Amino acid sequence: MPPCSTCLPVLAHTRPSPPPSAVLKLAEGLLCAALVVLPIVAQALARGPINWTDVLCTALAAACVAVLLALAKYAKAHRDPTLDDALAATGAALKDRADLSDDRPAA
């Protein structure tokens, strides 16, 4: 089964456009939100009856944070450099550092 079209640019090591980038950030945020809610449910189960209002409020707050992070990623994704530019800049910085370390006298 081929991967989803949202993940294809990431798997191809290219920069995804802003909407898929935001969708991936939303998925990451919702997964983190679920990880926040699971211990709360586990603790509630250990105490006895579950106060579902508290659980749902916590889940809703965590999901809202995930949505806000996805919206922020969408807004910032327009400024992300392409992968080629980022690799070229990093390669140039590493080359400069290597050139500087070659200039030091041997001890």
C-alpha atoms as a PDB file:
ATOM      1  CA  MET A   1       0.000   0.000   0.000  1.00  0.00           C
ATOM      2  CA  PRO A   2       1.590   3.346  -1.005  1.00  0.00           C
ATOM      3  CA  PRO A   3       2.036   6.027   1.657  1.00  0.00           C
ATOM      4  CA  CYS A   4      -0.426   8.879   1.846  1.00  0.00           C
ATOM      5  CA  SER A   5       0.088  11.797  -0.523  1.00  0.00           C
ATOM      6  CA  THR A   6       0.706  14.120   2.437  1.00  0.00           C
ATOM      7  CA  CYS A   7       3.752  12.089   3.455  1.00  0.00           C
ATOM      8  CA  LEU A   8       5.225  11.676  -0.044  1.00  0.00           C
ATOM      9  CA  PRO A   9       7.241  14.940  -0.076  1.00  0.00           C
ATOM     10  CA  VAL A  10       8.670  14.134   3.342  1.00  0.00           C
ATOM     11  CA  LEU A  11       9.596  10.607   2.292  1.00  0.00           C
ATOM     12  CA  ALA A  12      11.207  11.980  -0.876  1.00  0.00           C
ATOM     13  CA  HIS A  13      13.260  14.405   1.282  1.00  0.00           C
ATOM     14  CA  THR A  14      11.737  17.459  -0.369  1.00  0.00           C
ATOM     15  CA  ARG A  15       9.968  20.378   1.226  1.00  0.00           C
ATOM     16  CA  PRO A  16       6.217  19.776   1.450  1.00  0.00           C
ATOM     17  CA  SER A  17       3.914  22.628   0.570  1.00  0.00           C
ATOM     18  CA  PRO A  18       2.331  24.480   3.529  1.00  0.00           C
ATOM     19  CA  PRO A  19      -0.971  22.537   3.713  1.00  0.00           C
ATOM     20  CA  PRO A  20       0.603  19.052   3.954  1.00  0.00           C
ATOM     21  CA  SER A  21       3.174  20.437   6.356  1.00  0.00           C
ATOM     22  CA  ALA A  22       0.380  21.747   8.565  1.00  0.00           C
ATOM     23  CA  VAL A  23      -1.496  18.429   8.320  1.00  0.00           C
ATOM     24  CA  LEU A  24       1.595  16.556   9.474  1.00  0.00           C
ATOM     25  CA  LYS A  25       2.002  19.015  12.364  1.00  0.00           C
ATOM     26  CA  LEU A  26      -1.675  18.548  13.265  1.00  0.00           C
ATOM     27  CA  ALA A  27      -1.267  14.764  13.269  1.00  0.00           C
ATOM     28  CA  GLU A  28       1.794  15.111  15.497  1.00  0.00           C
ATOM     29  CA  GLY A  29      -0.093  17.441  17.839  1.00  0.00           C
ATOM     30  CA  LEU A  30      -3.135  15.181  18.075  1.00  0.00           C
ATOM     31  CA  LEU A  31      -0.904  12.210  18.842  1.00  0.00           C
ATOM     32  CA  CYS A  32       0.729  14.231  21.627  1.00  0.00           C
ATOM     33  CA  ALA A  33      -2.723  15.260  22.856  1.00  0.00           C
ATOM     34  CA  ALA A  34      -3.720  11.609  23.084  1.00  0.00           C
ATOM     35  CA  LEU A  35      -0.567  10.911  25.075  1.00  0.00           C
ATOM     36  CA  VAL A  36      -1.552  13.695  27.473  1.00  0.00           C
ATOM     37  CA  VAL A  37      -5.067  12.347  27.969  1.00  0.00           C
ATOM     38  CA  LEU A  38      -4.120   8.673  28.437  1.00  0.00           C
ATOM     39  CA  PRO A  39      -2.492   9.099  31.877  1.00  0.00           C
ATOM     40  CA  ILE A  40      -5.454  11.178  33.023  1.00  0.00           C
ATOM     41  CA  VAL A  41      -7.848   8.408  32.027  1.00  0.00           C
ATOM     42  CA  ALA A  42      -5.613   5.785  33.642  1.00  0.00           C
ATOM     43  CA  GLN A  43      -5.514   7.738  36.889  1.00  0.00           C
ATOM     44  CA  ALA A  44      -9.272   8.257  36.776  1.00  0.00           C
ATOM     45  CA  LEU A  45      -9.828   4.532  36.255  1.00  0.00           C
ATOM     46  CA  ALA A  46      -7.638   3.776  39.271  1.00  0.00           C
ATOM     47  CA  ARG A  47      -9.624   6.148  41.515  1.00  0.00           C
ATOM     48  CA  GLY A  48     -13.039   4.762  40.703  1.00  0.00           C
ATOM     49  CA  PRO A  49     -15.747   6.518  38.727  1.00  0.00           C
ATOM     50  CA  ILE A  50     -14.470   8.689  35.883  1.00  0.00           C
ATOM     51  CA  ASN A  51     -15.395  12.341  35.689  1.00  0.00           C
ATOM     52  CA  TRP A  52     -15.779  12.458  31.906  1.00  0.00           C
ATOM     53  CA  THR A  53     -16.213  16.219  31.957  1.00  0.00           C
ATOM     54  CA  ASP A  54     -12.655  16.671  33.237  1.00  0.00           C
ATOM     55  CA  VAL A  55     -11.296  14.141  30.754  1.00  0.00           C
ATOM     56  CA  LEU A  56     -13.094  15.752  27.817  1.00  0.00           C
ATOM     57  CA  CYS A  57     -12.016  19.260  28.875  1.00  0.00           C
ATOM     58  CA  THR A  58      -8.401  18.133  29.035  1.00  0.00           C
ATOM     59  CA  ALA A  59      -8.666  16.385  25.672  1.00  0.00           C
ATOM     60  CA  LEU A  60     -10.291  19.443  24.113  1.00  0.00           C
ATOM     61  CA  ALA A  61      -7.598  21.745  25.498  1.00  0.00           C
ATOM     62  CA  ALA A  62      -4.838  19.482  24.179  1.00  0.00           C
ATOM     63  CA  ALA A  63      -6.537  19.238  20.768  1.00  0.00           C
ATOM     64  CA  CYS A  64      -6.884  23.037  20.637  1.00  0.00           C
ATOM     65  CA  VAL A  65      -3.164  23.380  21.275  1.00  0.00           C
ATOM     66  CA  ALA A  66      -2.523  20.896  18.442  1.00  0.00           C
ATOM     67  CA  VAL A  67      -4.694  22.934  16.074  1.00  0.00           C
ATOM     68  CA  LEU A  68      -2.940  26.163  17.065  1.00  0.00           C
ATOM     69  CA  LEU A  69       0.460  24.562  16.459  1.00  0.00           C
ATOM     70  CA  ALA A  70      -0.712  23.361  13.034  1.00  0.00           C
ATOM     71  CA  LEU A  71      -1.941  26.846  12.143  1.00  0.00           C
ATOM     72  CA  ALA A  72       1.378  28.322  13.241  1.00  0.00           C
ATOM     73  CA  LYS A  73       3.222  25.743  11.125  1.00  0.00           C
ATOM     74  CA  TYR A  74       1.045  26.631   8.133  1.00  0.00           C
ATOM     75  CA  ALA A  75       1.894  30.306   8.566  1.00  0.00           C
ATOM     76  CA  LYS A  76       5.617  29.620   8.998  1.00  0.00           C
ATOM     77  CA  ALA A  77       5.821  27.013   6.220  1.00  0.00           C
ATOM     78  CA  HIS A  78       5.695  29.724   3.580  1.00  0.00           C
ATOM     79  CA  ARG A  79       9.099  30.929   4.833  1.00  0.00           C
ATOM     80  CA  ASP A  80      10.767  27.502   5.061  1.00  0.00           C
ATOM     81  CA  PRO A  81      13.763  27.169   2.764  1.00  0.00           C
ATOM     82  CA  THR A  82      13.786  24.436   0.170  1.00  0.00           C
ATOM     83  CA  LEU A  83      15.707  21.352   1.128  1.00  0.00           C
ATOM     84  CA  ASP A  84      18.379  22.038  -1.496  1.00  0.00           C
ATOM     85  CA  ASP A  85      18.973  25.544  -0.120  1.00  0.00           C
ATOM     86  CA  ALA A  86      19.109  24.308   3.467  1.00  0.00           C
ATOM     87  CA  LEU A  87      21.567  21.532   2.580  1.00  0.00           C
ATOM     88  CA  ALA A  88      23.732  23.935   0.575  1.00  0.00           C
ATOM     89  CA  ALA A  89      23.855  26.411   3.463  1.00  0.00           C
ATOM     90  CA  THR A  90      24.704  23.674   5.954  1.00  0.00           C
ATOM     91  CA  GLY A  91      27.330  22.221   3.626  1.00  0.00           C
ATOM     92  CA  ALA A  92      28.925  25.649   3.169  1.00  0.00           C
ATOM     93  CA  ALA A  93      29.008  26.197   6.933  1.00  0.00           C
ATOM     94  CA  LEU A  94      30.608  22.788   7.484  1.00  0.00           C
ATOM     95  CA  LYS A  95      33.156  23.458   4.753  1.00  0.00           C
ATOM     96  CA  ASP A  96      34.057  26.796   6.343  1.00  0.00           C
ATOM     97  CA  ARG A  97      34.545  25.095   9.717  1.00  0.00           C
ATOM     98  CA  ALA A  98      36.683  22.391   8.125  1.00  0.00           C
ATOM     99  CA  ASP A  99      38.790  25.039   6.379  1.00  0.00           C
ATOM    100  CA  LEU A 100      39.287  26.860   9.672  1.00  0.00           C
ATOM    101  CA  SER A 101      40.371  23.700  11.451  1.00  0.00           C
ATOM    102  CA  ASP A 102      42.907  22.960   8.673  1.00  0.00           C
ATOM    103  CA  ASP A 103      44.601  26.328   9.275  1.00  0.00           C
ATOM    104  CA  ARG A 104      45.571  25.515  12.873  1.00  0.00           C
ATOM    105  CA  PRO A 105      49.159  24.389  13.429  1.00  0.00           C
ATOM    106  CA  ALA A 106      49.709  20.782  14.405  1.00  0.00           C
ATOM    107  CA  ALA A 107      50.389  20.255  18.113  1.00  0.00           C
END
